[in-house]
Amino acid sequence: MIRNIPNKYTQPMLLECINETHFGKFDFLYLRMDFKNKCNVGYAFINFINTEVVASFVQQHVGKKWGRFNSDKICSLSYATIQGRRALVDKFRNSIVMEEEPSYRPKIFYTTGPNLGLEESFPGPTLSKESARGHGAAHGPARRRVSSAPLHNEP
């Protein structure tokens, strides 16, 4: 999870920021949003393609200020409870977040071939809308306790 994201960042802004240094190096991204206030809640789920990319992201971004909005927030990274593209897709594909406007939805990306770095179509739900709501999938993992174990030594 990427943490301490300034609340004014949109998912396209975050994607642009990550792509500057790690284009094609992640296959899932979801900036968790507060739909009522139309701003993010300060963290995003990301799935990097391997541990070397995680280390590179830490070196290039973690412990540094974000580039927009003159924010004092410092980028940090932590492990999330849900790990891996398949598990993340399975979690969100039945969430009502998929009914929100496209810029608020989780995204998956190609990491090989001629479409490297481009967005893929997100798989459809495996449950009916009524069944998904009955399983507490209102906003996906945000209702679950997420590990905040840092990937670096925080000051």
C-alpha atoms as a PDB file:
ATOM      1  CA  MET A   1       0.000   0.000   0.000  1.00  0.00           C
ATOM      2  CA  ILE A   2       1.145   3.480  -0.785  1.00  0.00           C
ATOM      3  CA  ARG A   3       0.368   5.727   2.175  1.00  0.00           C
ATOM      4  CA  ASN A   4       0.259   9.428   3.027  1.00  0.00           C
ATOM      5  CA  ILE A   5      -1.041  10.460  -0.388  1.00  0.00           C
ATOM      6  CA  PRO A   6      -2.283  14.062  -0.388  1.00  0.00           C
ATOM      7  CA  ASN A   7      -6.089  14.038  -0.410  1.00  0.00           C
ATOM      8  CA  LYS A   8      -6.327  16.198  -3.537  1.00  0.00           C
ATOM      9  CA  TYR A   9      -4.579  13.561  -5.662  1.00  0.00           C
ATOM     10  CA  THR A  10      -6.838  11.783  -8.118  1.00  0.00           C
ATOM     11  CA  GLN A  11      -6.152   8.298  -9.402  1.00  0.00           C
ATOM     12  CA  PRO A  12      -4.975   9.674 -12.789  1.00  0.00           C
ATOM     13  CA  MET A  13      -2.552  12.021 -10.954  1.00  0.00           C
ATOM     14  CA  LEU A  14      -1.215   9.152  -8.856  1.00  0.00           C
ATOM     15  CA  LEU A  15      -0.877   6.968 -11.935  1.00  0.00           C
ATOM     16  CA  GLU A  16       1.090   9.713 -13.702  1.00  0.00           C
ATOM     17  CA  CYS A  17       3.385  10.078 -10.689  1.00  0.00           C
ATOM     18  CA  ILE A  18       4.083   6.335 -10.442  1.00  0.00           C
ATOM     19  CA  ASN A  19       4.500   5.947 -14.210  1.00  0.00           C
ATOM     20  CA  GLU A  20       7.278   8.577 -14.222  1.00  0.00           C
ATOM     21  CA  THR A  21       9.558   6.044 -12.530  1.00  0.00           C
ATOM     22  CA  HIS A  22       7.776   2.658 -12.692  1.00  0.00           C
ATOM     23  CA  PHE A  23       5.848   2.484 -15.964  1.00  0.00           C
ATOM     24  CA  GLY A  24       4.850  -1.125 -16.700  1.00  0.00           C
ATOM     25  CA  LYS A  25       6.147  -2.319 -13.316  1.00  0.00           C
ATOM     26  CA  PHE A  26       2.796  -2.782 -11.545  1.00  0.00           C
ATOM     27  CA  ASP A  27      -0.366  -4.591 -12.565  1.00  0.00           C
ATOM     28  CA  PHE A  28      -2.965  -3.238 -10.108  1.00  0.00           C
ATOM     29  CA  LEU A  29      -3.719   0.214  -8.691  1.00  0.00           C
ATOM     30  CA  TYR A  30      -6.626   1.508  -6.647  1.00  0.00           C
ATOM     31  CA  LEU A  31      -6.644   4.876  -4.909  1.00  0.00           C
ATOM     32  CA  ARG A  32      -9.262   4.557  -2.174  1.00  0.00           C
ATOM     33  CA  MET A  33     -11.790   7.396  -2.419  1.00  0.00           C
ATOM     34  CA  ASP A  34     -14.254   9.165  -0.169  1.00  0.00           C
ATOM     35  CA  PHE A  35     -17.111   9.351  -2.654  1.00  0.00           C
ATOM     36  CA  LYS A  36     -19.115  11.858  -0.635  1.00  0.00           C
ATOM     37  CA  ASN A  37     -16.288  14.405  -0.440  1.00  0.00           C
ATOM     38  CA  LYS A  38     -14.750  13.490  -3.817  1.00  0.00           C
ATOM     39  CA  CYS A  39     -11.222  13.144  -2.469  1.00  0.00           C
ATOM     40  CA  ASN A  40      -8.935  10.229  -1.692  1.00  0.00           C
ATOM     41  CA  VAL A  41      -8.512   8.913   1.844  1.00  0.00           C
ATOM     42  CA  GLY A  42      -4.705   8.928   1.767  1.00  0.00           C
ATOM     43  CA  TYR A  43      -3.729   5.450   0.601  1.00  0.00           C
ATOM     44  CA  ALA A  44      -3.718   3.268  -2.501  1.00  0.00           C
ATOM     45  CA  PHE A  45      -3.468  -0.440  -3.147  1.00  0.00           C
ATOM     46  CA  ILE A  46      -0.741  -1.284  -5.647  1.00  0.00           C
ATOM     47  CA  ASN A  47       0.678  -4.603  -6.820  1.00  0.00           C
ATOM     48  CA  PHE A  48       4.239  -4.354  -8.114  1.00  0.00           C
ATOM     49  CA  ILE A  49       5.416  -7.121 -10.443  1.00  0.00           C
ATOM     50  CA  ASN A  50       8.316  -8.249  -8.217  1.00  0.00           C
ATOM     51  CA  THR A  51      10.307  -7.384  -5.109  1.00  0.00           C
ATOM     52  CA  GLU A  52      13.025  -5.568  -7.070  1.00  0.00           C
ATOM     53  CA  VAL A  53      10.407  -3.061  -8.218  1.00  0.00           C
ATOM     54  CA  VAL A  54       9.231  -2.603  -4.628  1.00  0.00           C
ATOM     55  CA  ALA A  55      12.817  -1.842  -3.587  1.00  0.00           C
ATOM     56  CA  SER A  56      13.170   0.615  -6.483  1.00  0.00           C
ATOM     57  CA  PHE A  57       9.924   2.377  -5.531  1.00  0.00           C
ATOM     58  CA  VAL A  58      11.085   2.658  -1.926  1.00  0.00           C
ATOM     59  CA  GLN A  59      14.403   4.143  -3.039  1.00  0.00           C
ATOM     60  CA  GLN A  60      12.810   6.667  -5.406  1.00  0.00           C
ATOM     61  CA  HIS A  61       9.646   7.690  -3.529  1.00  0.00           C
ATOM     62  CA  VAL A  62       9.446   6.598   0.109  1.00  0.00           C
ATOM     63  CA  GLY A  63      10.494   9.245   2.616  1.00  0.00           C
ATOM     64  CA  LYS A  64      10.013  12.027   0.069  1.00  0.00           C
ATOM     65  CA  LYS A  65       7.365  14.706  -0.300  1.00  0.00           C
ATOM     66  CA  TRP A  66       4.776  14.450  -3.011  1.00  0.00           C
ATOM     67  CA  GLY A  67       5.276  16.718  -6.021  1.00  0.00           C
ATOM     68  CA  ARG A  68       1.901  18.419  -6.176  1.00  0.00           C
ATOM     69  CA  PHE A  69      -0.235  20.698  -4.021  1.00  0.00           C
ATOM     70  CA  ASN A  70       2.639  21.871  -1.827  1.00  0.00           C
ATOM     71  CA  SER A  71       1.802  19.096   0.642  1.00  0.00           C
ATOM     72  CA  ASP A  72       3.963  18.231   3.646  1.00  0.00           C
ATOM     73  CA  LYS A  73       2.919  14.572   3.453  1.00  0.00           C
ATOM     74  CA  ILE A  74       5.764  12.075   3.090  1.00  0.00           C
ATOM     75  CA  CYS A  75       5.268   8.985   0.924  1.00  0.00           C
ATOM     76  CA  SER A  76       5.402   5.664   2.736  1.00  0.00           C
ATOM     77  CA  LEU A  77       4.777   2.053   1.777  1.00  0.00           C
ATOM     78  CA  SER A  78       3.364  -0.833   3.808  1.00  0.00           C
ATOM     79  CA  TYR A  79       2.107  -4.359   3.308  1.00  0.00           C
ATOM     80  CA  ALA A  80      -1.627  -4.824   2.823  1.00  0.00           C
ATOM     81  CA  THR A  81      -3.627  -7.777   4.071  1.00  0.00           C
ATOM     82  CA  ILE A  82      -4.569  -8.718   0.515  1.00  0.00           C
ATOM     83  CA  GLN A  83      -1.569  -9.506  -1.685  1.00  0.00           C
ATOM     84  CA  GLY A  84      -1.269 -10.219  -5.411  1.00  0.00           C
ATOM     85  CA  ARG A  85      -3.156  -9.196  -8.521  1.00  0.00           C
ATOM     86  CA  ARG A  86      -5.550 -12.154  -8.525  1.00  0.00           C
ATOM     87  CA  ALA A  87      -6.549 -11.677  -4.871  1.00  0.00           C
ATOM     88  CA  LEU A  88      -7.035  -7.929  -5.369  1.00  0.00           C
ATOM     89  CA  VAL A  89      -9.125  -8.427  -8.517  1.00  0.00           C
ATOM     90  CA  ASP A  90     -11.216 -11.087  -6.776  1.00  0.00           C
ATOM     91  CA  LYS A  91     -11.824  -8.726  -3.853  1.00  0.00           C
ATOM     92  CA  PHE A  92     -12.837  -5.705  -5.916  1.00  0.00           C
ATOM     93  CA  ARG A  93     -14.666  -7.274  -8.857  1.00  0.00           C
ATOM     94  CA  ASN A  94     -17.746  -7.789  -6.648  1.00  0.00           C
ATOM     95  CA  SER A  95     -17.495  -4.444  -4.864  1.00  0.00           C
ATOM     96  CA  ILE A  96     -19.984  -1.657  -5.499  1.00  0.00           C
ATOM     97  CA  VAL A  97     -16.966   0.584  -6.118  1.00  0.00           C
ATOM     98  CA  MET A  98     -17.143  -0.891  -9.642  1.00  0.00           C
ATOM     99  CA  GLU A  99     -20.420   1.037 -10.055  1.00  0.00           C
ATOM    100  CA  GLU A 100     -18.683   4.358  -9.399  1.00  0.00           C
ATOM    101  CA  GLU A 101     -17.337   6.581 -12.162  1.00  0.00           C
ATOM    102  CA  PRO A 102     -14.412   4.939 -13.999  1.00  0.00           C
ATOM    103  CA  SER A 103     -11.737   7.225 -12.522  1.00  0.00           C
ATOM    104  CA  TYR A 104     -12.689   5.977  -9.020  1.00  0.00           C
ATOM    105  CA  ARG A 105     -12.460   2.260  -9.851  1.00  0.00           C
ATOM    106  CA  PRO A 106      -9.528  -0.115  -9.381  1.00  0.00           C
ATOM    107  CA  LYS A 107      -7.362  -0.519 -12.480  1.00  0.00           C
ATOM    108  CA  ILE A 108      -5.334  -3.411 -13.849  1.00  0.00           C
ATOM    109  CA  PHE A 109      -2.470  -3.069 -16.316  1.00  0.00           C
ATOM    110  CA  TYR A 110      -0.480  -5.095 -18.829  1.00  0.00           C
ATOM    111  CA  THR A 111       3.096  -5.780 -17.710  1.00  0.00           C
ATOM    112  CA  THR A 112       4.379  -7.469 -20.871  1.00  0.00           C
ATOM    113  CA  GLY A 113       3.981  -7.306 -24.632  1.00  0.00           C
ATOM    114  CA  PRO A 114       2.968  -4.479 -26.934  1.00  0.00           C
ATOM    115  CA  ASN A 115       0.384  -3.146 -24.445  1.00  0.00           C
ATOM    116  CA  LEU A 116       2.938  -2.784 -21.623  1.00  0.00           C
ATOM    117  CA  GLY A 117       1.702  -0.242 -19.081  1.00  0.00           C
ATOM    118  CA  LEU A 118      -1.710   0.170 -20.676  1.00  0.00           C
ATOM    119  CA  GLU A 119      -4.921  -0.440 -18.776  1.00  0.00           C
ATOM    120  CA  GLU A 120      -6.630  -3.813 -19.180  1.00  0.00           C
ATOM    121  CA  SER A 121     -10.353  -4.378 -18.917  1.00  0.00           C
ATOM    122  CA  PHE A 122     -11.293  -5.244 -15.355  1.00  0.00           C
ATOM    123  CA  PRO A 123     -13.010  -8.639 -15.068  1.00  0.00           C
ATOM    124  CA  GLY A 124     -16.738  -8.557 -14.393  1.00  0.00           C
ATOM    125  CA  PRO A 125     -18.359  -9.594 -11.126  1.00  0.00           C
ATOM    126  CA  THR A 126     -18.781 -13.205 -10.103  1.00  0.00           C
ATOM    127  CA  LEU A 127     -21.691 -12.387  -7.757  1.00  0.00           C
ATOM    128  CA  SER A 128     -24.984 -10.612  -8.379  1.00  0.00           C
ATOM    129  CA  LYS A 129     -25.185  -7.046  -7.040  1.00  0.00           C
ATOM    130  CA  GLU A 130     -27.526  -8.125  -4.252  1.00  0.00           C
ATOM    131  CA  SER A 131     -25.236 -10.971  -3.225  1.00  0.00           C
ATOM    132  CA  ALA A 132     -22.146  -8.736  -3.290  1.00  0.00           C
ATOM    133  CA  ARG A 133     -23.835  -6.172  -1.030  1.00  0.00           C
ATOM    134  CA  GLY A 134     -24.835  -8.948   1.339  1.00  0.00           C
ATOM    135  CA  HIS A 135     -21.170  -9.892   1.670  1.00  0.00           C
ATOM    136  CA  GLY A 136     -20.166  -6.404   2.849  1.00  0.00           C
ATOM    137  CA  ALA A 137     -18.393  -5.449  -0.369  1.00  0.00           C
ATOM    138  CA  ALA A 138     -19.487  -1.822  -0.217  1.00  0.00           C
ATOM    139  CA  HIS A 139     -16.027  -0.397  -0.700  1.00  0.00           C
ATOM    140  CA  GLY A 140     -13.776  -3.433  -0.851  1.00  0.00           C
ATOM    141  CA  PRO A 141     -10.881  -3.835   1.568  1.00  0.00           C
ATOM    142  CA  ALA A 142     -11.320  -0.483   3.294  1.00  0.00           C
ATOM    143  CA  ARG A 143     -13.631  -2.177   5.801  1.00  0.00           C
ATOM    144  CA  ARG A 144     -10.960  -4.724   6.696  1.00  0.00           C
ATOM    145  CA  ARG A 145      -8.156  -3.952   9.083  1.00  0.00           C
ATOM    146  CA  VAL A 146      -5.056  -3.438   7.011  1.00  0.00           C
ATOM    147  CA  SER A 147      -1.576  -4.124   8.264  1.00  0.00           C
ATOM    148  CA  SER A 148       0.454  -0.992   8.710  1.00  0.00           C
ATOM    149  CA  ALA A 149       3.797  -2.750   8.879  1.00  0.00           C
ATOM    150  CA  PRO A 150       6.205  -0.333   7.179  1.00  0.00           C
ATOM    151  CA  LEU A 151       8.583  -1.441   4.447  1.00  0.00           C
ATOM    152  CA  HIS A 152      11.269   0.919   5.705  1.00  0.00           C
ATOM    153  CA  ASN A 153      12.413   2.481   8.909  1.00  0.00           C
ATOM    154  CA  GLU A 154      10.127   5.387   9.613  1.00  0.00           C
ATOM    155  CA  PRO A 155      11.548   8.330  11.560  1.00  0.00           C
END
